[in-house]
């Protein structure tokens, strides 16, 4: 069936190139877990998870057990980390599909131990998250020892990994990173003192930091900490895999600027012109008459609206690309349609391609530009592109 012409083109070759480039930045120091949670940041899990594996990723990171099950169907041999943990009743599915849960609550361990026993699994790997100061998920220092006591000889649970999240890795003064890594080191000392087997800590993986930490050269420090405790370092890039480098404050390090130039955008969001009309001076455009033509104007109707993820706040204050030029939005963004002022662009007609996010000719509209116009961040721009916007693989393997 012919579909509505509003689509997101996903360049899987660029995704693979980005993974290989990021892996080169960590070469010899850390394993990379490819974060494909939230439907691969809105880029399509079905397209990006296999691309990550083709590029050499051994680990994939997802939000939930449901996403993990979907990823397992796509990538039967990958290690899949459920980064937001499991919920009551999900242990059996996690075990059945060979997923690895992040844990930090006693009830997580209860759920997984019951599932392991019921399935006859003798050793179930889990990764323990340490709260080093973000106060989101993870076990704090005061609650750590009682949780470690659960990993005794009578438990089916195997402490395979320890992780934390650096909440301000894009702040170039590094003070937050320093404090968090110091807290992590102290927690690793507690873990080692618990007498767990295999290495000083009992865990094989130390997972610290996302795209910002990797691009800003934190791999060496994280790897040194991992070696100190007999572990292997792991970093978890997300945004950079999709071709965007986080913005650093107050100043961007040279290494990040170089990476920004090297990364390739993966997603282009496009639609078409439905029709073009000429309106006289004084014509009202869109809901509540927020735009009134000051002269005879040519307006192009587009097949995209806020139900597709185009932020309503962009009306009258943002431009899209048509025929290689920027055309301003005229009036409010509607649920399913949007109007462009194409008075100054010759020849615009029904069927012309319009770029919402991406490049056309010499012009580019980035996720950062969308984010700045709406007071948010590129992560949200990508992930709120609606499910009715088809994700179409380009430069993909058949």
Protein backbone atom coordinates (compact mmCIF):
# COMPACT_ATOMS: atom_id res chain seq x y z
CA UNK A 1 0.00 0.00 0.00
CA UNK A 2 1.27 3.45 -0.88
CA UNK A 3 1.91 5.34 2.33
CA UNK A 4 1.61 8.97 3.40
CA UNK A 5 4.83 10.68 2.28
CA UNK A 6 6.16 11.55 5.73
CA UNK A 7 9.18 9.39 6.51
CA UNK A 8 12.48 9.19 8.33
CA UNK A 9 15.33 7.84 6.24
CA UNK A 10 17.84 5.88 8.33
CA UNK A 11 21.33 5.58 6.85
CA UNK A 12 22.52 2.36 8.42
CA UNK A 13 25.93 2.58 6.74
CA UNK A 14 26.51 5.89 8.53
CA UNK A 15 25.43 4.23 11.78
CA UNK A 16 27.98 1.46 11.23
CA UNK A 17 30.69 3.99 10.34
CA UNK A 18 29.94 5.94 13.52
CA UNK A 19 30.23 2.81 15.66
CA UNK A 20 33.57 1.89 14.09
CA UNK A 21 34.88 5.42 14.56
CA UNK A 22 33.81 5.53 18.21
CA UNK A 23 35.35 2.10 18.72
CA UNK A 24 38.63 3.45 17.37
CA UNK A 25 38.54 6.19 20.04
CA UNK A 26 38.29 3.48 22.71
CA UNK A 27 40.71 1.10 20.99
CA UNK A 28 42.54 -1.09 23.47
CA UNK A 29 40.91 0.58 26.43
CA UNK A 30 37.25 -0.33 26.57
CA UNK A 31 34.47 -2.36 25.03
CA UNK A 32 31.56 -0.36 23.59
CA UNK A 33 27.94 -1.16 24.35
CA UNK A 34 25.75 0.26 21.58
CA UNK A 35 22.76 1.98 23.16
CA UNK A 36 19.69 1.25 21.03
CA UNK A 37 17.07 1.97 23.69
CA UNK A 38 13.88 3.91 22.98
CA UNK A 39 13.60 2.38 19.50
CA UNK A 40 17.22 3.31 18.81
CA UNK A 41 16.65 6.93 19.84
CA UNK A 42 13.69 7.03 17.47
CA UNK A 43 15.80 5.75 14.56
CA UNK A 44 14.29 2.19 14.54
CA UNK A 45 15.56 -0.69 16.61
CA UNK A 46 14.86 -3.01 13.67
CA UNK A 47 17.31 -1.07 11.49
CA UNK A 48 19.94 0.00 14.02
CA UNK A 49 20.40 -3.05 16.25
CA UNK A 50 21.51 -5.30 13.36
CA UNK A 51 23.68 -2.44 12.03
CA UNK A 52 25.44 -2.22 15.40
CA UNK A 53 26.16 -5.95 15.32
CA UNK A 54 27.42 -5.76 11.73
CA UNK A 55 29.78 -3.00 12.83
CA UNK A 56 31.21 -5.24 15.55
CA UNK A 57 29.14 -4.49 18.66
CA UNK A 58 28.99 -7.43 21.07
CA UNK A 59 26.65 -5.63 23.49
CA UNK A 60 23.38 -3.76 22.95
CA UNK A 61 21.67 -1.56 25.54
CA UNK A 62 17.86 -1.36 25.73
CA UNK A 63 15.42 0.24 28.16
CA UNK A 64 13.12 -2.62 29.01
CA UNK A 65 12.55 -6.35 28.85
CA UNK A 66 10.08 -5.74 26.00
CA UNK A 67 12.76 -3.96 23.99
CA UNK A 68 15.21 -6.69 24.90
CA UNK A 69 12.90 -9.38 23.54
CA UNK A 70 12.53 -7.42 20.30
CA UNK A 71 16.30 -6.94 20.07
CA UNK A 72 16.86 -10.65 20.67
CA UNK A 73 14.65 -11.48 17.71
CA UNK A 74 16.81 -9.20 15.56
CA UNK A 75 20.21 -10.11 16.99
CA UNK A 76 20.20 -13.69 18.27
CA UNK A 77 23.86 -13.72 19.33
CA UNK A 78 24.28 -10.27 20.92
CA UNK A 79 24.57 -9.65 24.65
CA UNK A 80 21.62 -7.44 25.56
CA UNK A 81 21.64 -5.28 28.69
CA UNK A 82 18.25 -4.15 30.07
CA UNK A 83 19.41 -0.79 31.37
CA UNK A 84 16.32 0.23 33.34
CA UNK A 85 15.94 -3.13 35.04
CA UNK A 86 13.00 -5.51 35.07
CA UNK A 87 9.58 -5.21 36.66
CA UNK A 88 7.65 -7.78 38.71
CA UNK A 89 6.62 -10.71 36.55
CA UNK A 90 9.24 -10.09 33.86
CA UNK A 91 11.96 -12.38 35.20
CA UNK A 92 10.78 -15.43 33.24
CA UNK A 93 10.88 -13.54 29.93
CA UNK A 94 14.28 -12.13 30.75
CA UNK A 95 15.68 -15.60 31.42
CA UNK A 96 13.94 -17.18 28.42
CA UNK A 97 15.39 -14.65 26.01
CA UNK A 98 18.88 -14.58 27.47
CA UNK A 99 18.80 -10.93 28.56
CA UNK A 100 21.00 -9.36 31.24
CA UNK A 101 19.34 -7.06 33.76
CA UNK A 102 20.71 -4.03 35.54
CA UNK A 103 19.78 -4.37 39.22
CA UNK A 104 19.89 -2.13 42.26
CA UNK A 105 16.90 -3.14 44.40
CA UNK A 106 16.41 -6.21 46.59
CA UNK A 107 13.17 -7.00 44.78
CA UNK A 108 15.07 -7.11 41.47
CA UNK A 109 17.17 -9.92 42.93
CA UNK A 110 14.08 -11.68 44.31
CA UNK A 111 12.40 -11.59 40.91
CA UNK A 112 15.44 -12.88 39.05
CA UNK A 113 16.29 -15.60 41.57
CA UNK A 114 12.73 -16.95 41.35
CA UNK A 115 12.90 -16.92 37.55
CA UNK A 116 16.30 -18.64 37.52
CA UNK A 117 15.10 -21.38 39.86
CA UNK A 118 11.92 -21.93 37.89
CA UNK A 119 13.90 -22.22 34.65
CA UNK A 120 16.62 -24.40 36.09
CA UNK A 121 19.30 -21.81 35.35
CA UNK A 122 22.30 -22.28 37.62
CA UNK A 123 24.03 -18.96 36.95
CA UNK A 124 22.24 -15.80 35.82
CA UNK A 125 24.45 -12.74 35.11
CA UNK A 126 23.36 -9.33 36.38
CA UNK A 127 24.96 -5.88 36.36
CA UNK A 128 24.77 -3.86 39.57
CA UNK A 129 24.25 -0.11 39.21
CA UNK A 130 25.90 2.19 41.75
CA UNK A 131 24.38 5.60 42.46
CA UNK A 132 27.42 7.86 42.50
CA UNK A 133 25.49 11.09 42.84
CA UNK A 134 22.72 11.32 40.24
CA UNK A 135 19.99 10.13 42.65
CA UNK A 136 18.10 8.41 39.87
CA UNK A 137 18.62 4.66 39.77
CA UNK A 138 21.33 2.65 41.48
CA UNK A 139 22.23 1.52 44.98
CA UNK A 140 23.85 4.02 47.33
CA UNK A 141 26.90 3.29 49.51
CA UNK A 142 24.83 2.76 52.66
CA UNK A 143 22.66 0.08 51.05
CA UNK A 144 25.42 -1.62 49.08
CA UNK A 145 26.69 -4.21 51.57
CA UNK A 146 23.27 -5.78 52.28
CA UNK A 147 22.71 -6.12 48.55
CA UNK A 148 26.14 -7.69 48.02
CA UNK A 149 25.32 -10.28 50.65
CA UNK A 150 22.69 -11.62 48.26
CA UNK A 151 25.39 -12.87 45.88
CA UNK A 152 26.33 -15.85 48.03
CA UNK A 153 26.98 -19.45 47.05
CA UNK A 154 23.30 -20.26 47.38
CA UNK A 155 22.23 -17.70 44.80
CA UNK A 156 21.83 -18.33 41.08
CA UNK A 157 22.78 -14.71 40.44
CA UNK A 158 26.26 -13.94 39.15
CA UNK A 159 27.60 -10.39 39.55
CA UNK A 160 28.97 -9.95 36.04
CA UNK A 161 29.15 -6.16 35.87
CA UNK A 162 29.16 -2.94 37.84
CA UNK A 163 28.05 0.34 36.30
CA UNK A 164 27.29 3.96 37.01
CA UNK A 165 26.15 6.94 34.96
CA UNK A 166 28.15 10.17 34.71
CA UNK A 167 25.49 12.86 34.90
CA UNK A 168 27.63 15.85 33.86
CA UNK A 169 30.25 14.41 31.52
CA UNK A 170 29.61 17.33 29.16
CA UNK A 171 30.84 19.88 31.72
CA UNK A 172 34.44 20.55 30.85
CA UNK A 173 35.65 21.47 34.33
CA UNK A 174 35.37 17.76 35.17
CA UNK A 175 34.52 18.25 38.84
CA UNK A 176 31.34 16.19 38.74
CA UNK A 177 33.14 13.36 36.92
CA UNK A 178 35.96 13.41 39.47
CA UNK A 179 33.56 13.18 42.40
CA UNK A 180 31.52 10.39 40.82
CA UNK A 181 34.53 8.29 39.89
CA UNK A 182 35.88 8.67 43.44
CA UNK A 183 32.55 7.41 44.82
CA UNK A 184 32.60 4.53 42.34
CA UNK A 185 36.11 3.57 43.43
CA UNK A 186 34.98 3.48 47.06
CA UNK A 187 32.03 1.28 46.11
CA UNK A 188 34.32 -1.08 44.20
CA UNK A 189 36.40 -1.38 47.36
CA UNK A 190 33.25 -2.42 49.23
CA UNK A 191 32.46 -4.96 46.52
CA UNK A 192 35.98 -6.41 46.70
CA UNK A 193 35.79 -6.57 50.50
CA UNK A 194 32.62 -8.66 50.19
CA UNK A 195 34.86 -11.52 49.08
CA UNK A 196 33.22 -12.26 45.77
CA UNK A 197 35.16 -14.65 43.55
CA UNK A 198 36.85 -14.46 40.11
CA UNK A 199 38.50 -11.04 40.46
CA UNK A 200 38.99 -8.47 43.17
CA UNK A 201 35.35 -7.45 42.79
CA UNK A 202 33.84 -10.62 41.35
CA UNK A 203 32.61 -8.66 38.34
CA UNK A 204 34.06 -8.81 34.86
CA UNK A 205 32.79 -5.50 33.46
CA UNK A 206 33.01 -1.93 34.73
CA UNK A 207 30.61 0.18 32.69
CA UNK A 208 31.01 3.95 33.08
CA UNK A 209 30.02 6.83 30.84
CA UNK A 210 28.16 7.49 27.62
CA UNK A 211 28.96 9.50 24.46
CA UNK A 212 30.28 12.57 26.25
CA UNK A 213 32.76 10.58 28.33
CA UNK A 214 34.01 8.70 25.30
CA UNK A 215 34.42 11.78 23.10
CA UNK A 216 36.10 13.78 25.85
CA UNK A 217 38.83 11.21 26.44
CA UNK A 218 37.64 9.63 29.69
CA UNK A 219 38.33 6.12 28.36
CA UNK A 220 41.87 6.04 29.77
CA UNK A 221 40.81 6.93 33.29
CA UNK A 222 37.88 4.50 33.26
CA UNK A 223 40.09 1.73 31.89
CA UNK A 224 42.73 2.34 34.56
CA UNK A 225 40.09 2.10 37.28
CA UNK A 226 38.77 -1.13 35.76
CA UNK A 227 42.26 -2.67 35.63
CA UNK A 228 42.87 -1.74 39.24
CA UNK A 229 39.98 -3.98 40.24
CA UNK A 230 40.67 -6.74 37.73
CA UNK A 231 37.85 -5.75 35.40
CA UNK A 232 37.31 -4.80 31.76
CA UNK A 233 36.10 -1.27 31.00
CA UNK A 234 32.93 -0.62 29.03
CA UNK A 235 31.45 2.65 27.74
CA UNK A 236 27.89 3.11 26.50
CA UNK A 237 27.67 5.55 23.55
CA UNK A 238 24.20 6.58 22.49
CA UNK A 239 23.75 9.98 20.81
CA UNK A 240 27.11 9.82 19.03
CA UNK A 241 26.12 6.58 17.31
CA UNK A 242 23.37 8.53 15.58
CA UNK A 243 25.79 11.18 14.33
CA UNK A 244 25.48 13.94 16.92
CA UNK A 245 28.07 14.91 19.52
CA UNK A 246 26.80 16.30 22.85
CA UNK A 247 27.40 20.01 23.37
CA UNK A 248 30.00 20.76 26.03
CA UNK A 249 29.95 23.70 28.43
CA UNK A 250 31.48 26.16 28.92
CA UNK A 251 34.00 25.33 26.17
CA UNK A 252 34.17 22.51 23.65
CA UNK A 253 37.37 20.44 23.84
CA UNK A 254 39.30 20.11 20.59
CA UNK A 255 38.80 16.33 20.61
CA UNK A 256 35.03 16.77 20.71
CA UNK A 257 35.10 19.30 17.87
CA UNK A 258 37.11 16.82 15.79
CA UNK A 259 34.63 14.04 16.57
CA UNK A 260 31.69 16.27 15.70
CA UNK A 261 33.18 16.83 12.25
CA UNK A 262 33.80 13.12 11.79
CA UNK A 263 30.41 11.71 12.87
CA UNK A 264 27.78 11.14 10.19
CA UNK A 265 24.10 11.98 10.73
CA UNK A 266 21.97 8.85 10.50
CA UNK A 267 18.41 10.22 10.30
CA UNK A 268 16.82 12.50 7.70
CA UNK A 269 13.17 13.42 8.25
CA UNK A 270 11.27 14.27 5.08
CA UNK A 271 7.80 14.95 3.73
CA UNK A 272 6.21 16.34 0.57
CA UNK A 273 4.33 19.37 -0.62
CA UNK A 274 0.64 18.48 -0.89
CA UNK A 275 -0.34 21.57 -2.83
CA UNK A 276 0.51 25.24 -3.42
CA UNK A 277 -1.89 28.18 -3.33
CA UNK A 278 -1.68 31.94 -3.72
CA UNK A 279 -3.39 34.06 -1.06
CA UNK A 280 -4.03 37.83 -1.04
CA UNK A 281 -2.77 40.34 1.47
CA UNK A 282 -4.79 40.05 4.67
CA UNK A 283 -5.38 36.29 4.36
CA UNK A 284 -5.33 34.41 7.65
CA UNK A 285 -3.21 31.24 7.82
CA UNK A 286 -3.79 28.46 10.32
CA UNK A 287 -5.52 28.18 13.69
CA UNK A 288 -6.32 31.39 15.59
CA UNK A 289 -4.94 33.60 12.83
CA UNK A 290 -1.43 33.84 14.26
CA UNK A 291 -0.14 34.56 10.72
CA UNK A 292 -1.69 37.17 8.42
CA UNK A 293 -0.32 37.72 4.92
CA UNK A 294 1.10 41.21 4.52
CA UNK A 295 1.18 40.89 0.71
CA UNK A 296 0.11 38.34 -1.91
CA UNK A 297 1.89 35.14 -0.94
CA UNK A 298 2.45 31.59 -2.15
CA UNK A 299 1.87 28.93 0.51
CA UNK A 300 2.78 25.24 0.41
CA UNK A 301 0.78 22.72 2.43
CA UNK A 302 2.87 19.88 3.91
CA UNK A 303 1.99 16.38 5.09
CA UNK A 304 3.46 16.71 8.58
CA UNK A 305 2.14 17.97 11.91
CA UNK A 306 2.59 17.79 15.63
CA UNK A 307 1.17 14.25 15.72
CA UNK A 308 4.26 13.28 13.70
CA UNK A 309 6.53 15.00 16.21
CA UNK A 310 6.93 18.44 14.64
CA UNK A 311 6.77 20.68 17.69
CA UNK A 312 3.80 23.04 17.71
CA UNK A 313 6.01 25.79 19.13
CA UNK A 314 7.87 26.00 15.81
CA UNK A 315 4.97 27.77 14.12
CA UNK A 316 5.94 31.22 12.77
CA UNK A 317 9.52 30.83 14.04
CA UNK A 318 11.25 28.03 12.16
CA UNK A 319 12.12 27.10 8.58
CA UNK A 320 12.21 23.86 6.60
CA UNK A 321 14.02 23.06 3.35
CA UNK A 322 12.41 22.91 -0.07
CA UNK A 323 14.27 23.14 -3.38
CA UNK A 324 17.48 23.58 -1.41
CA UNK A 325 16.31 26.75 0.34
CA UNK A 326 14.88 27.62 3.73
CA UNK A 327 11.17 28.39 3.78
CA UNK A 328 9.56 29.77 6.95
CA UNK A 329 6.60 28.11 8.66
CA UNK A 330 3.48 30.22 8.27
CA UNK A 331 0.96 29.94 11.09
CA UNK A 332 0.59 27.26 13.70
CA UNK A 333 1.62 23.67 13.21
CA UNK A 334 -1.56 21.60 13.00
CA UNK A 335 -1.98 17.99 14.10
CA UNK A 336 -1.43 16.55 10.62
CA UNK A 337 -0.44 19.47 8.39
CA UNK A 338 1.86 22.47 8.27
CA UNK A 339 2.11 25.46 5.93
CA UNK A 340 5.29 26.96 4.46
CA UNK A 341 5.75 30.42 2.98
CA UNK A 342 7.36 29.72 -0.42
CA UNK A 343 6.79 33.17 -1.90
CA UNK A 344 10.53 33.69 -2.43
CA UNK A 345 11.26 30.22 -3.82
CA UNK A 346 10.50 29.72 -7.50
CA UNK A 347 8.76 26.66 -8.86
CA UNK A 348 7.60 24.93 -5.69
CA UNK A 349 4.86 22.46 -6.59
CA UNK A 350 2.94 19.45 -5.30
CA UNK A 351 5.21 16.46 -4.81
CA UNK A 352 8.34 18.47 -4.00
CA UNK A 353 10.40 16.96 -1.20
CA UNK A 354 10.63 18.94 2.03
CA UNK A 355 13.36 18.27 4.60
CA UNK A 356 12.37 18.73 8.23
CA UNK A 357 15.62 17.43 9.68
CA UNK A 358 18.67 16.74 7.53
CA UNK A 359 20.27 18.19 4.41
CA UNK A 360 19.07 19.39 1.02
CA UNK A 361 21.47 21.07 -1.37
CA UNK A 362 23.95 23.10 0.65
CA UNK A 363 21.56 23.66 3.57
CA UNK A 364 21.22 21.52 6.72
CA UNK A 365 18.76 21.52 9.60
CA UNK A 366 20.11 19.66 12.63
CA UNK A 367 18.49 18.17 15.70
CA UNK A 368 20.38 20.80 17.69
CA UNK A 369 18.66 23.54 15.66
CA UNK A 370 15.25 22.02 16.39
CA UNK A 371 16.19 21.69 20.06
CA UNK A 372 17.36 25.29 20.39
CA UNK A 373 14.11 26.55 18.85
CA UNK A 374 11.96 24.58 21.28
CA UNK A 375 14.04 24.74 24.46
CA UNK A 376 14.92 21.07 24.62
CA UNK A 377 17.72 18.66 23.68
CA UNK A 378 18.47 16.61 20.52
CA UNK A 379 17.70 13.35 22.31
CA UNK A 380 14.08 14.47 22.67
CA UNK A 381 13.88 15.70 19.07
CA UNK A 382 14.82 12.25 17.79
CA UNK A 383 12.71 10.20 20.18
CA UNK A 384 9.49 12.18 19.79
CA UNK A 385 9.30 11.63 16.02
CA UNK A 386 6.02 9.75 15.99
CA UNK A 387 5.52 6.06 15.21
CA UNK A 388 3.38 6.87 12.16
CA UNK A 389 6.47 8.39 10.52
CA UNK A 390 7.84 5.41 8.61
CA UNK A 391 11.49 4.57 9.24
CA UNK A 392 13.02 3.60 5.91
CA UNK A 393 16.48 2.11 5.72
CA UNK A 394 18.85 3.58 3.14
CA UNK A 395 22.35 2.27 2.34
CA UNK A 396 21.20 -0.87 4.16
CA UNK A 397 22.13 -4.47 3.65
CA UNK A 398 19.32 -6.39 1.91
